Amino acid sequence: MDYKTPFELAKTACTASQTKVSWSISQMLLLGILAGAYIAFGGWLMVSVTYDVPGGLGKFLAGVVFSVGLILVVIAGGELFTGNCMMPLGALVGCTPMKNIMRAWFW
């Protein structure tokens, strides 16, 4: 199987943490705005598609169509807060100062 060991996962999280704290404020804001727009588009699309669809089929379609917004965040690029929740691992390992992580979380 092709999988990462816990050590490799921690190393990857540390590298991602270092990368994210190095972004400028304008980069963080732009990526956050783009992610919000993609999620809003997914929400709008979900409401449009499921407008008159009854019952379980409507809920199924809502889940399928809303995920388009999440897919856009990953593929087209965007930064949601949930993607930053493993950044403290970088502080625990010692590769990223916690004040830089808090700055990235704020912006």
PDB file of N, CA and C in Angstrom:
ATOM      1  N   MET A   1       0.829  -1.184   0.000  1.00  0.00           N
ATOM      2  CA  MET A   1       0.000   0.000   0.000  1.00  0.00           C
ATOM      3  C   MET A   1       0.871   1.244   0.000  1.00  0.00           C
ATOM      4  N   ASP A   2       0.328   2.291  -0.580  1.00  0.00           N
ATOM      5  CA  ASP A   2       1.026   3.568  -0.615  1.00  0.00           C
ATOM      6  C   ASP A   2       0.413   4.475   0.452  1.00  0.00           C
ATOM      7  N   TYR A   3       1.069   4.572   1.586  1.00  0.00           N
ATOM      8  CA  TYR A   3       0.587   5.404   2.665  1.00  0.00           C
ATOM      9  C   TYR A   3       1.775   6.051   3.365  1.00  0.00           C
ATOM     10  N   LYS A   4       1.459   7.065   4.177  1.00  0.00           N
ATOM     11  CA  LYS A   4       2.513   7.760   4.916  1.00  0.00           C
ATOM     12  C   LYS A   4       2.493   7.299   6.370  1.00  0.00           C
ATOM     13  N   THR A   5       3.656   7.187   6.936  1.00  0.00           N
ATOM     14  CA  THR A   5       3.776   6.847   8.349  1.00  0.00           C
ATOM     15  C   THR A   5       3.430   8.086   9.186  1.00  0.00           C
ATOM     16  N   PRO A   6       3.150   7.913  10.474  1.00  0.00           N
ATOM     17  CA  PRO A   6       2.863   9.082  11.315  1.00  0.00           C
ATOM     18  C   PRO A   6       3.997  10.116  11.299  1.00  0.00           C
ATOM     19  N   PHE A   7       5.229   9.658  11.257  1.00  0.00           N
ATOM     20  CA  PHE A   7       6.359  10.588  11.195  1.00  0.00           C
ATOM     21  C   PHE A   7       6.309  11.393   9.903  1.00  0.00           C
ATOM     22  N   GLU A   8       6.015  10.746   8.779  1.00  0.00           N
ATOM     23  CA  GLU A   8       5.934  11.450   7.496  1.00  0.00           C
ATOM     24  C   GLU A   8       4.777  12.445   7.483  1.00  0.00           C
ATOM     25  N   LEU A   9       3.649  12.068   8.108  1.00  0.00           N
ATOM     26  CA  LEU A   9       2.519  12.993   8.198  1.00  0.00           C
ATOM     27  C   LEU A   9       2.884  14.228   9.017  1.00  0.00           C
ATOM     28  N   ALA A  10       3.583  14.020  10.131  1.00  0.00           N
ATOM     29  CA  ALA A  10       3.996  15.152  10.959  1.00  0.00           C
ATOM     30  C   ALA A  10       4.979  16.039  10.199  1.00  0.00           C
ATOM     31  N   LYS A  11       5.868  15.426   9.443  1.00  0.00           N
ATOM     32  CA  LYS A  11       6.836  16.197   8.650  1.00  0.00           C
ATOM     33  C   LYS A  11       6.121  17.018   7.572  1.00  0.00           C
ATOM     34  N   THR A  12       5.120  16.420   6.935  1.00  0.00           N
ATOM     35  CA  THR A  12       4.334  17.123   5.914  1.00  0.00           C
ATOM     36  C   THR A  12       3.562  18.293   6.536  1.00  0.00           C
ATOM     37  N   ALA A  13       2.972  18.065   7.715  1.00  0.00           N
ATOM     38  CA  ALA A  13       2.231  19.133   8.398  1.00  0.00           C
ATOM     39  C   ALA A  13       3.175  20.258   8.795  1.00  0.00           C
ATOM     40  N   CYS A  14       4.380  19.925   9.195  1.00  0.00           N
ATOM     41  CA  CYS A  14       5.369  20.943   9.569  1.00  0.00           C
ATOM     42  C   CYS A  14       5.763  21.779   8.352  1.00  0.00           C
ATOM     43  N   THR A  15       5.983  21.120   7.229  1.00  0.00           N
ATOM     44  CA  THR A  15       6.333  21.831   5.995  1.00  0.00           C
ATOM     45  C   THR A  15       5.192  22.738   5.551  1.00  0.00           C
ATOM     46  N   ALA A  16       3.952  22.226   5.616  1.00  0.00           N
ATOM     47  CA  ALA A  16       2.791  23.041   5.242  1.00  0.00           C
ATOM     48  C   ALA A  16       2.649  24.238   6.173  1.00  0.00           C
ATOM     49  N   SER A  17       2.908  24.020   7.451  1.00  0.00           N
ATOM     50  CA  SER A  17       2.836  25.101   8.427  1.00  0.00           C
ATOM     51  C   SER A  17       3.852  26.192   8.106  1.00  0.00           C
ATOM     52  N   GLN A  18       5.061  25.799   7.781  1.00  0.00           N
ATOM     53  CA  GLN A  18       6.090  26.782   7.432  1.00  0.00           C
ATOM     54  C   GLN A  18       5.713  27.555   6.177  1.00  0.00           C
ATOM     55  N   THR A  19       5.140  26.860   5.206  1.00  0.00           N
ATOM     56  CA  THR A  19       4.739  27.516   3.962  1.00  0.00           C
ATOM     57  C   THR A  19       3.627  28.527   4.218  1.00  0.00           C
ATOM     58  N   LYS A  20       2.612  28.126   4.980  1.00  0.00           N
ATOM     59  CA  LYS A  20       1.453  28.996   5.199  1.00  0.00           C
ATOM     60  C   LYS A  20       1.787  30.233   6.017  1.00  0.00           C
ATOM     61  N   VAL A  21       2.703  30.116   6.981  1.00  0.00           N
ATOM     62  CA  VAL A  21       3.044  31.310   7.777  1.00  0.00           C
ATOM     63  C   VAL A  21       3.938  32.271   7.004  1.00  0.00           C
ATOM     64  N   SER A  22       4.505  31.812   5.901  1.00  0.00           N
ATOM     65  CA  SER A  22       5.362  32.697   5.107  1.00  0.00           C
ATOM     66  C   SER A  22       4.564  33.562   4.127  1.00  0.00           C
ATOM     67  N   TRP A  23       3.275  33.309   3.983  1.00  0.00           N
ATOM     68  CA  TRP A  23       2.458  34.093   3.073  1.00  0.00           C
ATOM     69  C   TRP A  23       2.263  35.509   3.605  1.00  0.00           C
ATOM     70  N   SER A  24       2.138  36.445   2.671  1.00  0.00           N
ATOM     71  CA  SER A  24       1.844  37.824   3.061  1.00  0.00           C
ATOM     72  C   SER A  24       0.363  37.936   3.437  1.00  0.00           C
ATOM     73  N   ILE A  25       0.027  39.035   4.092  1.00  0.00           N
ATOM     74  CA  ILE A  25      -1.367  39.250   4.502  1.00  0.00           C
ATOM     75  C   ILE A  25      -2.276  39.315   3.286  1.00  0.00           C
ATOM     76  N   SER A  26      -1.830  39.957   2.216  1.00  0.00           N
ATOM     77  CA  SER A  26      -2.660  40.057   1.013  1.00  0.00           C
ATOM     78  C   SER A  26      -2.885  38.676   0.387  1.00  0.00           C
ATOM     79  N   GLN A  27      -1.877  37.821   0.417  1.00  0.00           N
ATOM     80  CA  GLN A  27      -2.054  36.466  -0.117  1.00  0.00           C
ATOM     81  C   GLN A  27      -3.087  35.702   0.707  1.00  0.00           C
ATOM     82  N   MET A  28      -2.978  35.789   2.035  1.00  0.00           N
ATOM     83  CA  MET A  28      -3.924  35.085   2.904  1.00  0.00           C
ATOM     84  C   MET A  28      -5.347  35.582   2.693  1.00  0.00           C
ATOM     85  N   LEU A  29      -5.501  36.903   2.591  1.00  0.00           N
ATOM     86  CA  LEU A  29      -6.835  37.466   2.392  1.00  0.00           C
ATOM     87  C   LEU A  29      -7.420  37.057   1.044  1.00  0.00           C
ATOM     88  N   LEU A  30      -6.606  37.113   0.006  1.00  0.00           N
ATOM     89  CA  LEU A  30      -7.097  36.736  -1.318  1.00  0.00           C
ATOM     90  C   LEU A  30      -7.505  35.261  -1.359  1.00  0.00           C
ATOM     91  N   LEU A  31      -6.690  34.383  -0.800  1.00  0.00           N
ATOM     92  CA  LEU A  31      -7.025  32.958  -0.787  1.00  0.00           C
ATOM     93  C   LEU A  31      -8.273  32.690   0.047  1.00  0.00           C
ATOM     94  N   GLY A  32      -8.447  33.430   1.144  1.00  0.00           N
ATOM     95  CA  GLY A  32      -9.646  33.281   1.957  1.00  0.00           C
ATOM     96  C   GLY A  32     -10.897  33.762   1.239  1.00  0.00           C
ATOM     97  N   ILE A  33     -10.778  34.886   0.529  1.00  0.00           N
ATOM     98  CA  ILE A  33     -11.912  35.410  -0.233  1.00  0.00           C
ATOM     99  C   ILE A  33     -12.285  34.449  -1.353  1.00  0.00           C
ATOM    100  N   LEU A  34     -11.284  33.922  -2.046  1.00  0.00           N
ATOM    101  CA  LEU A  34     -11.566  32.951  -3.112  1.00  0.00           C
ATOM    102  C   LEU A  34     -12.260  31.712  -2.559  1.00  0.00           C
ATOM    103  N   ALA A  35     -11.779  31.194  -1.438  1.00  0.00           N
ATOM    104  CA  ALA A  35     -12.404  30.013  -0.843  1.00  0.00           C
ATOM    105  C   ALA A  35     -13.849  30.307  -0.467  1.00  0.00           C
ATOM    106  N   GLY A  36     -14.097  31.483   0.098  1.00  0.00           N
ATOM    107  CA  GLY A  36     -15.464  31.863   0.440  1.00  0.00           C
ATOM    108  C   GLY A  36     -16.355  31.964  -0.786  1.00  0.00           C
ATOM    109  N   ALA A  37     -15.808  32.485  -1.867  1.00  0.00           N
ATOM    110  CA  ALA A  37     -16.588  32.589  -3.105  1.00  0.00           C
ATOM    111  C   ALA A  37     -16.904  31.202  -3.673  1.00  0.00           C
ATOM    112  N   TYR A  38     -15.941  30.293  -3.608  1.00  0.00           N
ATOM    113  CA  TYR A  38     -16.176  28.938  -4.115  1.00  0.00           C
ATOM    114  C   TYR A  38     -17.238  28.222  -3.286  1.00  0.00           C
ATOM    115  N   ILE A  39     -17.175  28.362  -1.970  1.00  0.00           N
ATOM    116  CA  ILE A  39     -18.167  27.726  -1.105  1.00  0.00           C
ATOM    117  C   ILE A  39     -19.543  28.366  -1.331  1.00  0.00           C
ATOM    118  N   ALA A  40     -19.583  29.681  -1.507  1.00  0.00           N
ATOM    119  CA  ALA A  40     -20.852  30.358  -1.789  1.00  0.00           C
ATOM    120  C   ALA A  40     -21.433  29.880  -3.114  1.00  0.00           C
ATOM    121  N   PHE A  41     -20.567  29.686  -4.103  1.00  0.00           N
ATOM    122  CA  PHE A  41     -21.040  29.168  -5.388  1.00  0.00           C
ATOM    123  C   PHE A  41     -21.622  27.767  -5.218  1.00  0.00           C
ATOM    124  N   GLY A  42     -20.948  26.924  -4.446  1.00  0.00           N
ATOM    125  CA  GLY A  42     -21.461  25.579  -4.188  1.00  0.00           C
ATOM    126  C   GLY A  42     -22.802  25.621  -3.467  1.00  0.00           C
ATOM    127  N   GLY A  43     -22.946  26.540  -2.511  1.00  0.00           N
ATOM    128  CA  GLY A  43     -24.221  26.691  -1.807  1.00  0.00           C
ATOM    129  C   GLY A  43     -25.326  27.180  -2.720  1.00  0.00           C
ATOM    130  N   TRP A  44     -25.011  28.167  -3.551  1.00  0.00           N
ATOM    131  CA  TRP A  44     -26.010  28.672  -4.497  1.00  0.00           C
ATOM    132  C   TRP A  44     -26.436  27.579  -5.482  1.00  0.00           C
ATOM    133  N   LEU A  45     -25.448  26.832  -5.968  1.00  0.00           N
ATOM    134  CA  LEU A  45     -25.745  25.749  -6.904  1.00  0.00           C
ATOM    135  C   LEU A  45     -26.611  24.682  -6.238  1.00  0.00           C
ATOM    136  N   MET A  46     -26.328  24.383  -4.974  1.00  0.00           N
ATOM    137  CA  MET A  46     -27.118  23.397  -4.242  1.00  0.00           C
ATOM    138  C   MET A  46     -28.576  23.849  -4.119  1.00  0.00           C
ATOM    139  N   VAL A  47     -28.776  25.109  -3.766  1.00  0.00           N
ATOM    140  CA  VAL A  47     -30.140  25.621  -3.631  1.00  0.00           C
ATOM    141  C   VAL A  47     -30.846  25.609  -4.982  1.00  0.00           C
ATOM    142  N   SER A  48     -30.146  25.973  -6.043  1.00  0.00           N
ATOM    143  CA  SER A  48     -30.749  26.001  -7.380  1.00  0.00           C
ATOM    144  C   SER A  48     -31.142  24.615  -7.854  1.00  0.00           C
ATOM    145  N   VAL A  49     -30.278  23.641  -7.627  1.00  0.00           N
ATOM    146  CA  VAL A  49     -30.538  22.278  -8.118  1.00  0.00           C
ATOM    147  C   VAL A  49     -31.637  21.597  -7.317  1.00  0.00           C
ATOM    148  N   THR A  50     -31.698  21.845  -6.025  1.00  0.00           N
ATOM    149  CA  THR A  50     -32.643  21.113  -5.166  1.00  0.00           C
ATOM    150  C   THR A  50     -33.918  21.899  -4.888  1.00  0.00           C
ATOM    151  N   TYR A  51     -34.188  22.943  -5.629  1.00  0.00           N
ATOM    152  CA  TYR A  51     -35.331  23.818  -5.355  1.00  0.00           C
ATOM    153  C   TYR A  51     -36.641  23.054  -5.235  1.00  0.00           C
ATOM    154  N   ASP A  52     -36.983  22.228  -6.185  1.00  0.00           N
ATOM    155  CA  ASP A  52     -38.264  21.511  -6.170  1.00  0.00           C
ATOM    156  C   ASP A  52     -38.093  20.001  -6.068  1.00  0.00           C
ATOM    157  N   VAL A  53     -36.954  19.532  -5.626  1.00  0.00           N
ATOM    158  CA  VAL A  53     -36.718  18.093  -5.530  1.00  0.00           C
ATOM    159  C   VAL A  53     -37.131  17.626  -4.140  1.00  0.00           C
ATOM    160  N   PRO A  54     -38.087  16.694  -4.075  1.00  0.00           N
ATOM    161  CA  PRO A  54     -38.595  16.283  -2.759  1.00  0.00           C
ATOM    162  C   PRO A  54     -37.747  15.176  -2.100  1.00  0.00           C
ATOM    163  N   GLY A  55     -37.829  15.136  -0.782  1.00  0.00           N
ATOM    164  CA  GLY A  55     -37.344  14.009   0.002  1.00  0.00           C
ATOM    165  C   GLY A  55     -35.867  13.701  -0.066  1.00  0.00           C
ATOM    166  N   GLY A  56     -35.607  12.402  -0.017  1.00  0.00           N
ATOM    167  CA  GLY A  56     -34.238  11.909   0.049  1.00  0.00           C
ATOM    168  C   GLY A  56     -33.419  12.229  -1.188  1.00  0.00           C
ATOM    169  N   LEU A  57     -34.054  12.259  -2.339  1.00  0.00           N
ATOM    170  CA  LEU A  57     -33.322  12.582  -3.565  1.00  0.00           C
ATOM    171  C   LEU A  57     -32.783  14.007  -3.500  1.00  0.00           C
ATOM    172  N   GLY A  58     -33.579  14.912  -2.950  1.00  0.00           N
ATOM    173  CA  GLY A  58     -33.126  16.296  -2.807  1.00  0.00           C
ATOM    174  C   GLY A  58     -31.925  16.401  -1.881  1.00  0.00           C
ATOM    175  N   LYS A  59     -31.947  15.648  -0.785  1.00  0.00           N
ATOM    176  CA  LYS A  59     -30.813  15.675   0.147  1.00  0.00           C
ATOM    177  C   LYS A  59     -29.570  15.073  -0.491  1.00  0.00           C
ATOM    178  N   PHE A  60     -29.758  14.004  -1.252  1.00  0.00           N
ATOM    179  CA  PHE A  60     -28.627  13.384  -1.945  1.00  0.00           C
ATOM    180  C   PHE A  60     -28.012  14.357  -2.948  1.00  0.00           C
ATOM    181  N   LEU A  61     -28.869  14.980  -3.755  1.00  0.00           N
ATOM    182  CA  LEU A  61     -28.378  15.951  -4.743  1.00  0.00           C
ATOM    183  C   LEU A  61     -27.709  17.145  -4.067  1.00  0.00           C
ATOM    184  N   ALA A  62     -28.254  17.573  -2.930  1.00  0.00           N
ATOM    185  CA  ALA A  62     -27.660  18.700  -2.211  1.00  0.00           C
ATOM    186  C   ALA A  62     -26.229  18.366  -1.792  1.00  0.00           C
ATOM    187  N   GLY A  63     -26.018  17.164  -1.279  1.00  0.00           N
ATOM    188  CA  GLY A  63     -24.677  16.756  -0.876  1.00  0.00           C
ATOM    189  C   GLY A  63     -23.725  16.654  -2.044  1.00  0.00           C
ATOM    190  N   VAL A  64     -24.214  16.123  -3.138  1.00  0.00           N
ATOM    191  CA  VAL A  64     -23.367  15.958  -4.328  1.00  0.00           C
ATOM    192  C   VAL A  64     -23.005  17.313  -4.923  1.00  0.00           C
ATOM    193  N   VAL A  65     -23.976  18.190  -5.044  1.00  0.00           N
ATOM    194  CA  VAL A  65     -23.744  19.468  -5.712  1.00  0.00           C
ATOM    195  C   VAL A  65     -22.961  20.438  -4.824  1.00  0.00           C
ATOM    196  N   PHE A  66     -23.206  20.442  -3.499  1.00  0.00           N
ATOM    197  CA  PHE A  66     -22.459  21.343  -2.624  1.00  0.00           C
ATOM    198  C   PHE A  66     -20.975  21.016  -2.627  1.00  0.00           C
ATOM    199  N   SER A  67     -20.658  19.755  -2.807  1.00  0.00           N
ATOM    200  CA  SER A  67     -19.243  19.370  -2.807  1.00  0.00           C
ATOM    201  C   SER A  67     -18.478  20.003  -3.969  1.00  0.00           C
ATOM    202  N   VAL A  68     -19.188  20.515  -4.967  1.00  0.00           N
ATOM    203  CA  VAL A  68     -18.526  21.226  -6.065  1.00  0.00           C
ATOM    204  C   VAL A  68     -17.744  22.426  -5.504  1.00  0.00           C
ATOM    205  N   GLY A  69     -18.309  23.108  -4.516  1.00  0.00           N
ATOM    206  CA  GLY A  69     -17.614  24.230  -3.902  1.00  0.00           C
ATOM    207  C   GLY A  69     -16.327  23.791  -3.220  1.00  0.00           C
ATOM    208  N   LEU A  70     -16.376  22.666  -2.524  1.00  0.00           N
ATOM    209  CA  LEU A  70     -15.172  22.154  -1.863  1.00  0.00           C
ATOM    210  C   LEU A  70     -14.135  21.693  -2.877  1.00  0.00           C
ATOM    211  N   ILE A  71     -14.601  21.100  -3.948  1.00  0.00           N
ATOM    212  CA  ILE A  71     -13.688  20.665  -5.010  1.00  0.00           C
ATOM    213  C   ILE A  71     -12.997  21.881  -5.632  1.00  0.00           C
ATOM    214  N   LEU A  72     -13.742  22.959  -5.827  1.00  0.00           N
ATOM    215  CA  LEU A  72     -13.148  24.183  -6.373  1.00  0.00           C
ATOM    216  C   LEU A  72     -12.086  24.753  -5.436  1.00  0.00           C
ATOM    217  N   VAL A  73     -12.314  24.672  -4.131  1.00  0.00           N
ATOM    218  CA  VAL A  73     -11.319  25.169  -3.176  1.00  0.00           C
ATOM    219  C   VAL A  73     -10.016  24.408  -3.345  1.00  0.00           C
ATOM    220  N   VAL A  74     -10.116  23.098  -3.510  1.00  0.00           N
ATOM    221  CA  VAL A  74      -8.907  22.277  -3.620  1.00  0.00           C
ATOM    222  C   VAL A  74      -8.227  22.470  -4.975  1.00  0.00           C
ATOM    223  N   ILE A  75      -9.000  22.418  -6.053  1.00  0.00           N
ATOM    224  CA  ILE A  75      -8.419  22.450  -7.393  1.00  0.00           C
ATOM    225  C   ILE A  75      -8.031  23.868  -7.822  1.00  0.00           C
ATOM    226  N   ALA A  76      -8.943  24.826  -7.643  1.00  0.00           N
ATOM    227  CA  ALA A  76      -8.687  26.179  -8.124  1.00  0.00           C
ATOM    228  C   ALA A  76      -7.851  26.983  -7.135  1.00  0.00           C
ATOM    229  N   GLY A  77      -7.752  26.526  -5.919  1.00  0.00           N
ATOM    230  CA  GLY A  77      -6.927  27.211  -4.929  1.00  0.00           C
ATOM    231  C   GLY A  77      -7.738  28.122  -4.046  1.00  0.00           C
ATOM    232  N   GLY A  78      -7.621  27.916  -2.791  1.00  0.00           N
ATOM    233  CA  GLY A  78      -8.303  28.725  -1.796  1.00  0.00           C
ATOM    234  C   GLY A  78      -7.833  28.251  -0.434  1.00  0.00           C
ATOM    235  N   GLU A  79      -8.110  29.016   0.581  1.00  0.00           N
ATOM    236  CA  GLU A  79      -7.617  28.673   1.911  1.00  0.00           C
ATOM    237  C   GLU A  79      -8.745  28.822   2.913  1.00  0.00           C
ATOM    238  N   LEU A  80      -9.246  27.688   3.397  1.00  0.00           N
ATOM    239  CA  LEU A  80     -10.245  27.679   4.455  1.00  0.00           C
ATOM    240  C   LEU A  80      -9.548  27.499   5.799  1.00  0.00           C
ATOM    241  N   PHE A  81     -10.184  27.948   6.868  1.00  0.00           N
ATOM    242  CA  PHE A  81      -9.586  27.804   8.192  1.00  0.00           C
ATOM    243  C   PHE A  81      -9.345  26.339   8.535  1.00  0.00           C
ATOM    244  N   THR A  82     -10.228  25.462   8.098  1.00  0.00           N
ATOM    245  CA  THR A  82     -10.070  24.045   8.418  1.00  0.00           C
ATOM    246  C   THR A  82      -8.756  23.480   7.880  1.00  0.00           C
ATOM    247  N   GLY A  83      -8.230  24.080   6.829  1.00  0.00           N
ATOM    248  CA  GLY A  83      -6.957  23.634   6.297  1.00  0.00           C
ATOM    249  C   GLY A  83      -5.768  24.058   7.147  1.00  0.00           C
ATOM    250  N   ASN A  84      -6.016  24.941   8.116  1.00  0.00           N
ATOM    251  CA  ASN A  84      -4.947  25.438   8.983  1.00  0.00           C
ATOM    252  C   ASN A  84      -4.966  24.808  10.366  1.00  0.00           C
ATOM    253  N   CYS A  85      -5.851  23.876  10.603  1.00  0.00           N
ATOM    254  CA  CYS A  85      -6.009  23.325  11.952  1.00  0.00           C
ATOM    255  C   CYS A  85      -4.884  22.381  12.365  1.00  0.00           C
ATOM    256  N   MET A  86      -4.043  21.953  11.443  1.00  0.00           N
ATOM    257  CA  MET A  86      -2.902  21.124  11.830  1.00  0.00           C
ATOM    258  C   MET A  86      -1.622  21.944  11.965  1.00  0.00           C
ATOM    259  N   MET A  87      -1.719  23.250  11.783  1.00  0.00           N
ATOM    260  CA  MET A  87      -0.536  24.098  11.898  1.00  0.00           C
ATOM    261  C   MET A  87       0.110  24.060  13.287  1.00  0.00           C
ATOM    262  N   PRO A  88      -0.651  23.925  14.392  1.00  0.00           N
ATOM    263  CA  PRO A  88       0.014  23.856  15.697  1.00  0.00           C
ATOM    264  C   PRO A  88       0.977  22.680  15.841  1.00  0.00           C
ATOM    265  N   LEU A  89       0.816  21.669  15.016  1.00  0.00           N
ATOM    266  CA  LEU A  89       1.783  20.568  15.042  1.00  0.00           C
ATOM    267  C   LEU A  89       3.180  21.086  14.712  1.00  0.00           C
ATOM    268  N   GLY A  90       3.245  22.077  13.828  1.00  0.00           N
ATOM    269  CA  GLY A  90       4.525  22.698  13.512  1.00  0.00           C
ATOM    270  C   GLY A  90       5.135  23.387  14.724  1.00  0.00           C
ATOM    271  N   ALA A  91       4.287  23.976  15.574  1.00  0.00           N
ATOM    272  CA  ALA A  91       4.785  24.613  16.796  1.00  0.00           C
ATOM    273  C   ALA A  91       5.216  23.560  17.810  1.00  0.00           C
ATOM    274  N   LEU A  92       4.477  22.475  17.896  1.00  0.00           N
ATOM    275  CA  LEU A  92       4.833  21.410  18.842  1.00  0.00           C
ATOM    276  C   LEU A  92       6.159  20.750  18.479  1.00  0.00           C
ATOM    277  N   VAL A  93       6.412  20.613  17.181  1.00  0.00           N
ATOM    278  CA  VAL A  93       7.658  20.012  16.725  1.00  0.00           C
ATOM    279  C   VAL A  93       8.809  21.010  16.838  1.00  0.00           C
ATOM    280  N   GLY A  94       8.486  22.290  16.753  1.00  0.00           N
ATOM    281  CA  GLY A  94       9.508  23.318  16.882  1.00  0.00           C
ATOM    282  C   GLY A  94       9.953  23.935  15.574  1.00  0.00           C
ATOM    283  N   CYS A  95       9.234  23.676  14.496  1.00  0.00           N
ATOM    284  CA  CYS A  95       9.651  24.223  13.206  1.00  0.00           C
ATOM    285  C   CYS A  95       8.934  25.529  12.857  1.00  0.00           C
ATOM    286  N   THR A  96       7.859  25.865  13.584  1.00  0.00           N
ATOM    287  CA  THR A  96       7.111  27.090  13.306  1.00  0.00           C
ATOM    288  C   THR A  96       6.757  27.771  14.628  1.00  0.00           C
ATOM    289  N   PRO A  97       7.090  29.039  14.805  1.00  0.00           N
ATOM    290  CA  PRO A  97       6.709  29.738  16.037  1.00  0.00           C
ATOM    291  C   PRO A  97       5.191  29.905  16.142  1.00  0.00           C
ATOM    292  N   MET A  98       4.656  29.731  17.336  1.00  0.00           N
ATOM    293  CA  MET A  98       3.213  29.823  17.543  1.00  0.00           C
ATOM    294  C   MET A  98       2.688  31.215  17.221  1.00  0.00           C
ATOM    295  N   LYS A  99       3.480  32.267  17.423  1.00  0.00           N
ATOM    296  CA  LYS A  99       3.006  33.623  17.102  1.00  0.00           C
ATOM    297  C   LYS A  99       2.756  33.764  15.606  1.00  0.00           C
ATOM    298  N   ASN A 100       3.545  33.095  14.772  1.00  0.00           N
ATOM    299  CA  ASN A 100       3.313  33.143  13.326  1.00  0.00           C
ATOM    300  C   ASN A 100       2.043  32.378  12.952  1.00  0.00           C
ATOM    301  N   ILE A 101       1.790  31.290  13.652  1.00  0.00           N
ATOM    302  CA  ILE A 101       0.564  30.521  13.398  1.00  0.00           C
ATOM    303  C   ILE A 101      -0.654  31.353  13.787  1.00  0.00           C
ATOM    304  N   MET A 102      -0.578  32.038  14.920  1.00  0.00           N
ATOM    305  CA  MET A 102      -1.698  32.878  15.362  1.00  0.00           C
ATOM    306  C   MET A 102      -1.934  34.028  14.370  1.00  0.00           C
ATOM    307  N   ARG A 103      -0.864  34.570  13.803  1.00  0.00           N
ATOM    308  CA  ARG A 103      -0.998  35.618  12.784  1.00  0.00           C
ATOM    309  C   ARG A 103      -1.736  35.074  11.567  1.00  0.00           C
ATOM    310  N   ALA A 104      -1.352  33.880  11.128  1.00  0.00           N
ATOM    311  CA  ALA A 104      -2.007  33.270   9.965  1.00  0.00           C
ATOM    312  C   ALA A 104      -3.466  32.969  10.274  1.00  0.00           C
ATOM    313  N   TRP A 105      -3.755  32.522  11.478  1.00  0.00           N
ATOM    314  CA  TRP A 105      -5.143  32.237  11.861  1.00  0.00           C
ATOM    315  C   TRP A 105      -5.962  33.520  11.902  1.00  0.00           C
ATOM    316  N   PHE A 106      -5.365  34.592  12.396  1.00  0.00           N
ATOM    317  CA  PHE A 106      -6.104  35.857  12.479  1.00  0.00           C
ATOM    318  C   PHE A 106      -6.503  36.344  11.095  1.00  0.00           C
ATOM    319  N   TRP A 107      -5.541  36.342  10.187  1.00  0.00           N
ATOM    320  CA  TRP A 107      -5.825  36.853   8.855  1.00  0.00           C
ATOM    321  C   TRP A 107      -6.536  35.840   8.017  1.00  0.00           C
TER     322      TRP A 107
END
